[in-house]
């Protein structure tokens, strides 16, 4: 299974972002972007790639411990940014230290469960909203349009293990499908 650990914003906050993305889609050159699937919007904490089935029981146990060791924290969608000319994203504000800590714990849980992880990098909170079709588009006007975006705060209370089902049909514009295959309450609540 192709897996990652994530924080998924609640429906009300995703609806706020959807309204903002609808405005972005009206900007010049917006057709040169491939907009991400709204049901798949999330903050990736630790990307694991293909995980062998025999590692899943230990991975689930370790992610559960990571969640219990992390208290719920406030977060909101905030502003935007880009990675080069390839990826447009919205960021987060609020409990960023807690979000980074949860990302580090999820990464460590995967490593300890035997999942071969990429090189560890400092966590950058971002939720991808679009990708350039050609990697030669200036994304700064889109980032500028997101400057004033301030979503409503929510309390992050869950760590999710998500399966990514990549498109396989060759249909143009087909998006990955995401399926939550495990979830653990933060702080041991719930």
C-alpha atoms as a PDB file:
ATOM      1  CA  UNK A   1       0.000   0.000   0.000  1.00  0.00           C
ATOM      2  CA  UNK A   2       1.144   3.531  -0.763  1.00  0.00           C
ATOM      3  CA  UNK A   3       0.721   5.336   2.579  1.00  0.00           C
ATOM      4  CA  UNK A   4       1.251   8.637   4.353  1.00  0.00           C
ATOM      5  CA  UNK A   5       0.414  10.118   7.754  1.00  0.00           C
ATOM      6  CA  UNK A   6      -1.716  13.250   7.622  1.00  0.00           C
ATOM      7  CA  UNK A   7      -3.857  15.856   9.313  1.00  0.00           C
ATOM      8  CA  UNK A   8      -7.140  16.380   7.458  1.00  0.00           C
ATOM      9  CA  UNK A   9      -8.914  19.707   8.046  1.00  0.00           C
ATOM     10  CA  UNK A  10     -12.626  19.530   8.941  1.00  0.00           C
ATOM     11  CA  UNK A  11     -15.298  20.030   6.256  1.00  0.00           C
ATOM     12  CA  UNK A  12     -16.041  23.661   7.233  1.00  0.00           C
ATOM     13  CA  UNK A  13     -12.397  24.664   6.826  1.00  0.00           C
ATOM     14  CA  UNK A  14     -12.126  22.755   3.557  1.00  0.00           C
ATOM     15  CA  UNK A  15     -15.201  24.647   2.308  1.00  0.00           C
ATOM     16  CA  UNK A  16     -13.442  27.942   3.135  1.00  0.00           C
ATOM     17  CA  UNK A  17     -10.446  26.845   1.128  1.00  0.00           C
ATOM     18  CA  UNK A  18     -12.662  25.713  -1.753  1.00  0.00           C
ATOM     19  CA  UNK A  19     -14.167  29.212  -1.994  1.00  0.00           C
ATOM     20  CA  UNK A  20     -10.659  30.695  -2.100  1.00  0.00           C
ATOM     21  CA  UNK A  21      -9.482  28.221  -4.748  1.00  0.00           C
ATOM     22  CA  UNK A  22     -12.548  29.030  -6.863  1.00  0.00           C
ATOM     23  CA  UNK A  23     -11.342  32.660  -6.896  1.00  0.00           C
ATOM     24  CA  UNK A  24      -7.814  31.581  -7.839  1.00  0.00           C
ATOM     25  CA  UNK A  25      -9.203  29.564 -10.739  1.00  0.00           C
ATOM     26  CA  UNK A  26     -10.426  32.833 -12.256  1.00  0.00           C
ATOM     27  CA  UNK A  27      -6.942  34.375 -12.442  1.00  0.00           C
ATOM     28  CA  UNK A  28      -5.015  34.641 -15.722  1.00  0.00           C
ATOM     29  CA  UNK A  29      -3.050  31.458 -16.477  1.00  0.00           C
ATOM     30  CA  UNK A  30      -5.171  29.405 -14.050  1.00  0.00           C
ATOM     31  CA  UNK A  31      -5.832  26.909 -16.844  1.00  0.00           C
ATOM     32  CA  UNK A  32      -2.119  26.160 -16.879  1.00  0.00           C
ATOM     33  CA  UNK A  33      -2.491  24.663 -13.402  1.00  0.00           C
ATOM     34  CA  UNK A  34      -3.759  21.211 -12.509  1.00  0.00           C
ATOM     35  CA  UNK A  35      -5.951  21.774  -9.444  1.00  0.00           C
ATOM     36  CA  UNK A  36      -5.802  19.076  -6.793  1.00  0.00           C
ATOM     37  CA  UNK A  37      -8.812  16.985  -5.898  1.00  0.00           C
ATOM     38  CA  UNK A  38     -10.765  18.583  -3.067  1.00  0.00           C
ATOM     39  CA  UNK A  39     -11.611  15.276  -1.365  1.00  0.00           C
ATOM     40  CA  UNK A  40      -7.862  14.717  -1.087  1.00  0.00           C
ATOM     41  CA  UNK A  41      -6.901  17.986   0.617  1.00  0.00           C
ATOM     42  CA  UNK A  42      -4.687  17.274   3.622  1.00  0.00           C
ATOM     43  CA  UNK A  43      -1.439  18.181   5.384  1.00  0.00           C
ATOM     44  CA  UNK A  44       0.995  15.335   4.745  1.00  0.00           C
ATOM     45  CA  UNK A  45       3.059  14.699   7.872  1.00  0.00           C
ATOM     46  CA  UNK A  46       5.174  11.731   6.756  1.00  0.00           C
ATOM     47  CA  UNK A  47       5.145  10.219   3.281  1.00  0.00           C
ATOM     48  CA  UNK A  48       5.943   6.507   3.461  1.00  0.00           C
ATOM     49  CA  UNK A  49       5.484   5.342  -0.111  1.00  0.00           C
ATOM     50  CA  UNK A  50       4.887   1.637  -0.665  1.00  0.00           C
ATOM     51  CA  UNK A  51       4.618  -0.162   2.695  1.00  0.00           C
ATOM     52  CA  UNK A  52       4.767  -3.946   2.977  1.00  0.00           C
ATOM     53  CA  UNK A  53       1.675  -5.496   4.566  1.00  0.00           C
ATOM     54  CA  UNK A  54       3.738  -7.243   7.258  1.00  0.00           C
ATOM     55  CA  UNK A  55       4.861  -3.828   8.602  1.00  0.00           C
ATOM     56  CA  UNK A  56       1.305  -2.544   9.071  1.00  0.00           C
ATOM     57  CA  UNK A  57       0.564  -3.907  12.575  1.00  0.00           C
ATOM     58  CA  UNK A  58       3.724  -2.355  14.053  1.00  0.00           C
ATOM     59  CA  UNK A  59       3.232   0.860  12.052  1.00  0.00           C
ATOM     60  CA  UNK A  60      -0.340   1.211  13.341  1.00  0.00           C
ATOM     61  CA  UNK A  61       0.762   0.619  16.942  1.00  0.00           C
ATOM     62  CA  UNK A  62       3.571   3.167  16.663  1.00  0.00           C
ATOM     63  CA  UNK A  63       1.351   5.804  15.017  1.00  0.00           C
ATOM     64  CA  UNK A  64      -1.186   5.265  17.809  1.00  0.00           C
ATOM     65  CA  UNK A  65       1.541   5.942  20.397  1.00  0.00           C
ATOM     66  CA  UNK A  66       2.678   9.039  18.497  1.00  0.00           C
ATOM     67  CA  UNK A  67      -0.891  10.359  18.532  1.00  0.00           C
ATOM     68  CA  UNK A  68      -1.367   9.640  22.248  1.00  0.00           C
ATOM     69  CA  UNK A  69       1.864  11.504  23.047  1.00  0.00           C
ATOM     70  CA  UNK A  70       0.662  14.615  21.195  1.00  0.00           C
ATOM     71  CA  UNK A  71      -1.976  16.867  22.735  1.00  0.00           C
ATOM     72  CA  UNK A  72      -4.687  18.383  20.506  1.00  0.00           C
ATOM     73  CA  UNK A  73      -3.696  21.791  19.153  1.00  0.00           C
ATOM     74  CA  UNK A  74      -5.244  24.727  17.267  1.00  0.00           C
ATOM     75  CA  UNK A  75      -4.636  25.229  13.564  1.00  0.00           C
ATOM     76  CA  UNK A  76      -6.051  27.275  10.714  1.00  0.00           C
ATOM     77  CA  UNK A  77      -5.460  27.481   6.981  1.00  0.00           C
ATOM     78  CA  UNK A  78      -3.440  30.574   6.250  1.00  0.00           C
ATOM     79  CA  UNK A  79      -1.904  32.369   3.279  1.00  0.00           C
ATOM     80  CA  UNK A  80      -0.057  30.558   0.563  1.00  0.00           C
ATOM     81  CA  UNK A  81       3.253  29.762  -1.013  1.00  0.00           C
ATOM     82  CA  UNK A  82       4.927  27.792  -3.747  1.00  0.00           C
ATOM     83  CA  UNK A  83       7.705  25.303  -4.297  1.00  0.00           C
ATOM     84  CA  UNK A  84       9.584  26.550  -7.335  1.00  0.00           C
ATOM     85  CA  UNK A  85       7.337  26.830 -10.367  1.00  0.00           C
ATOM     86  CA  UNK A  86       5.726  23.471  -9.722  1.00  0.00           C
ATOM     87  CA  UNK A  87       3.492  23.509  -6.631  1.00  0.00           C
ATOM     88  CA  UNK A  88       1.026  26.067  -5.254  1.00  0.00           C
ATOM     89  CA  UNK A  89      -0.085  25.575  -1.649  1.00  0.00           C
ATOM     90  CA  UNK A  90      -1.883  27.114   1.278  1.00  0.00           C
ATOM     91  CA  UNK A  91      -0.139  27.099   4.619  1.00  0.00           C
ATOM     92  CA  UNK A  92      -1.125  26.875   8.246  1.00  0.00           C
ATOM     93  CA  UNK A  93      -0.999  29.095  11.310  1.00  0.00           C
ATOM     94  CA  UNK A  94      -1.544  28.405  14.974  1.00  0.00           C
ATOM     95  CA  UNK A  95       0.018  25.327  16.536  1.00  0.00           C
ATOM     96  CA  UNK A  96       2.838  24.973  14.023  1.00  0.00           C
ATOM     97  CA  UNK A  97       5.282  23.695  16.639  1.00  0.00           C
ATOM     98  CA  UNK A  98       2.807  20.990  17.592  1.00  0.00           C
ATOM     99  CA  UNK A  99       2.173  20.144  13.935  1.00  0.00           C
ATOM    100  CA  UNK A 100       5.936  19.812  13.341  1.00  0.00           C
ATOM    101  CA  UNK A 101       6.249  17.628  16.439  1.00  0.00           C
ATOM    102  CA  UNK A 102       3.430  15.369  15.216  1.00  0.00           C
ATOM    103  CA  UNK A 103       5.137  15.150  11.798  1.00  0.00           C
ATOM    104  CA  UNK A 104       8.432  14.186  13.465  1.00  0.00           C
ATOM    105  CA  UNK A 105       6.696  11.573  15.591  1.00  0.00           C
ATOM    106  CA  UNK A 106       4.887  10.105  12.575  1.00  0.00           C
ATOM    107  CA  UNK A 107       8.177   9.958  10.649  1.00  0.00           C
ATOM    108  CA  UNK A 108       9.922   8.284  13.606  1.00  0.00           C
ATOM    109  CA  UNK A 109       7.049   5.807  14.007  1.00  0.00           C
ATOM    110  CA  UNK A 110       7.380   4.766  10.364  1.00  0.00           C
ATOM    111  CA  UNK A 111      11.161   4.416  10.592  1.00  0.00           C
ATOM    112  CA  UNK A 112      10.938   2.325  13.777  1.00  0.00           C
ATOM    113  CA  UNK A 113       8.328   0.097  12.139  1.00  0.00           C
ATOM    114  CA  UNK A 114      10.825  -0.632   9.376  1.00  0.00           C
ATOM    115  CA  UNK A 115       9.430   1.624   6.654  1.00  0.00           C
ATOM    116  CA  UNK A 116      12.320   2.914   4.492  1.00  0.00           C
ATOM    117  CA  UNK A 117      11.832   6.686   4.663  1.00  0.00           C
ATOM    118  CA  UNK A 118      13.416   9.402   2.535  1.00  0.00           C
ATOM    119  CA  UNK A 119      16.002  11.667   4.082  1.00  0.00           C
ATOM    120  CA  UNK A 120      14.518  13.588   6.993  1.00  0.00           C
ATOM    121  CA  UNK A 121      13.869  17.294   6.264  1.00  0.00           C
ATOM    122  CA  UNK A 122      12.476  20.091   8.391  1.00  0.00           C
ATOM    123  CA  UNK A 123       8.701  19.933   8.143  1.00  0.00           C
ATOM    124  CA  UNK A 124       7.010  22.643   6.040  1.00  0.00           C
ATOM    125  CA  UNK A 125       3.262  22.778   6.695  1.00  0.00           C
ATOM    126  CA  UNK A 126       1.483  23.001   3.361  1.00  0.00           C
ATOM    127  CA  UNK A 127      -1.669  21.783   1.686  1.00  0.00           C
ATOM    128  CA  UNK A 128      -1.179  21.492  -2.086  1.00  0.00           C
ATOM    129  CA  UNK A 129      -3.940  23.150  -4.096  1.00  0.00           C
ATOM    130  CA  UNK A 130      -2.410  23.063  -7.599  1.00  0.00           C
ATOM    131  CA  UNK A 131       0.522  21.882  -9.675  1.00  0.00           C
ATOM    132  CA  UNK A 132       1.899  23.502 -12.787  1.00  0.00           C
ATOM    133  CA  UNK A 133       1.284  21.496 -15.934  1.00  0.00           C
ATOM    134  CA  UNK A 134       4.606  22.686 -17.418  1.00  0.00           C
ATOM    135  CA  UNK A 135       6.770  23.860 -14.468  1.00  0.00           C
ATOM    136  CA  UNK A 136       7.368  27.200 -16.206  1.00  0.00           C
ATOM    137  CA  UNK A 137       4.481  29.203 -14.735  1.00  0.00           C
ATOM    138  CA  UNK A 138       5.122  32.151 -12.412  1.00  0.00           C
ATOM    139  CA  UNK A 139       3.082  31.231  -9.334  1.00  0.00           C
ATOM    140  CA  UNK A 140       3.649  34.543  -7.523  1.00  0.00           C
ATOM    141  CA  UNK A 141       0.314  36.096  -8.629  1.00  0.00           C
ATOM    142  CA  UNK A 142      -1.512  33.091  -7.140  1.00  0.00           C
ATOM    143  CA  UNK A 143       0.488  33.327  -3.915  1.00  0.00           C
ATOM    144  CA  UNK A 144      -0.253  37.067  -3.745  1.00  0.00           C
ATOM    145  CA  UNK A 145      -3.966  36.301  -4.118  1.00  0.00           C
ATOM    146  CA  UNK A 146      -3.674  33.957  -1.107  1.00  0.00           C
ATOM    147  CA  UNK A 147      -1.874  36.546   1.058  1.00  0.00           C
ATOM    148  CA  UNK A 148      -5.034  37.608   2.877  1.00  0.00           C
ATOM    149  CA  UNK A 149      -6.537  34.137   3.177  1.00  0.00           C
ATOM    150  CA  UNK A 150      -7.288  33.376   6.836  1.00  0.00           C
ATOM    151  CA  UNK A 151      -9.366  30.308   7.552  1.00  0.00           C
ATOM    152  CA  UNK A 152     -11.214  29.732  10.800  1.00  0.00           C
ATOM    153  CA  UNK A 153      -9.366  27.926  13.553  1.00  0.00           C
ATOM    154  CA  UNK A 154     -10.088  24.328  14.479  1.00  0.00           C
ATOM    155  CA  UNK A 155      -8.693  21.912  17.020  1.00  0.00           C
ATOM    156  CA  UNK A 156      -6.541  19.183  15.464  1.00  0.00           C
ATOM    157  CA  UNK A 157      -7.589  16.069  17.320  1.00  0.00           C
ATOM    158  CA  UNK A 158      -6.595  13.169  15.073  1.00  0.00           C
ATOM    159  CA  UNK A 159      -3.669  11.623  13.225  1.00  0.00           C
ATOM    160  CA  UNK A 160      -4.699   9.779  10.053  1.00  0.00           C
ATOM    161  CA  UNK A 161      -2.983   7.033   8.068  1.00  0.00           C
ATOM    162  CA  UNK A 162      -4.022   7.520   4.464  1.00  0.00           C
ATOM    163  CA  UNK A 163      -3.714   5.233   1.459  1.00  0.00           C
ATOM    164  CA  UNK A 164      -3.046   6.877  -1.874  1.00  0.00           C
ATOM    165  CA  UNK A 165      -4.562   5.074  -4.857  1.00  0.00           C
ATOM    166  CA  UNK A 166      -2.813   6.408  -7.931  1.00  0.00           C
ATOM    167  CA  UNK A 167      -4.748   6.753 -11.181  1.00  0.00           C
ATOM    168  CA  UNK A 168      -4.290   3.787 -13.428  1.00  0.00           C
ATOM    169  CA  UNK A 169      -6.765   4.228 -16.227  1.00  0.00           C
ATOM    170  CA  UNK A 170      -4.844   6.727 -18.329  1.00  0.00           C
ATOM    171  CA  UNK A 171      -7.785   9.131 -18.257  1.00  0.00           C
ATOM    172  CA  UNK A 172      -6.551  12.729 -18.711  1.00  0.00           C
ATOM    173  CA  UNK A 173      -6.987  14.768 -15.526  1.00  0.00           C
ATOM    174  CA  UNK A 174      -7.593  11.691 -13.371  1.00  0.00           C
ATOM    175  CA  UNK A 175      -6.607  12.362  -9.746  1.00  0.00           C
ATOM    176  CA  UNK A 176      -5.301  10.079  -6.992  1.00  0.00           C
ATOM    177  CA  UNK A 177      -7.956   8.768  -4.614  1.00  0.00           C
ATOM    178  CA  UNK A 178      -7.322   8.877  -0.889  1.00  0.00           C
ATOM    179  CA  UNK A 179      -8.677   6.455   1.676  1.00  0.00           C
ATOM    180  CA  UNK A 180      -8.182   6.773   5.436  1.00  0.00           C
ATOM    181  CA  UNK A 181      -7.079   3.334   6.630  1.00  0.00           C
ATOM    182  CA  UNK A 182      -6.379   4.260  10.257  1.00  0.00           C
ATOM    183  CA  UNK A 183      -6.974   7.161  12.626  1.00  0.00           C
ATOM    184  CA  UNK A 184      -5.929   7.845  16.201  1.00  0.00           C
ATOM    185  CA  UNK A 185      -7.098  10.564  18.589  1.00  0.00           C
ATOM    186  CA  UNK A 186      -4.469  12.962  19.829  1.00  0.00           C
ATOM    187  CA  UNK A 187      -3.704  12.949  23.527  1.00  0.00           C
ATOM    188  CA  UNK A 188      -5.369   9.586  23.983  1.00  0.00           C
ATOM    189  CA  UNK A 189      -8.845  11.182  24.045  1.00  0.00           C
ATOM    190  CA  UNK A 190     -11.877   9.745  22.347  1.00  0.00           C
END
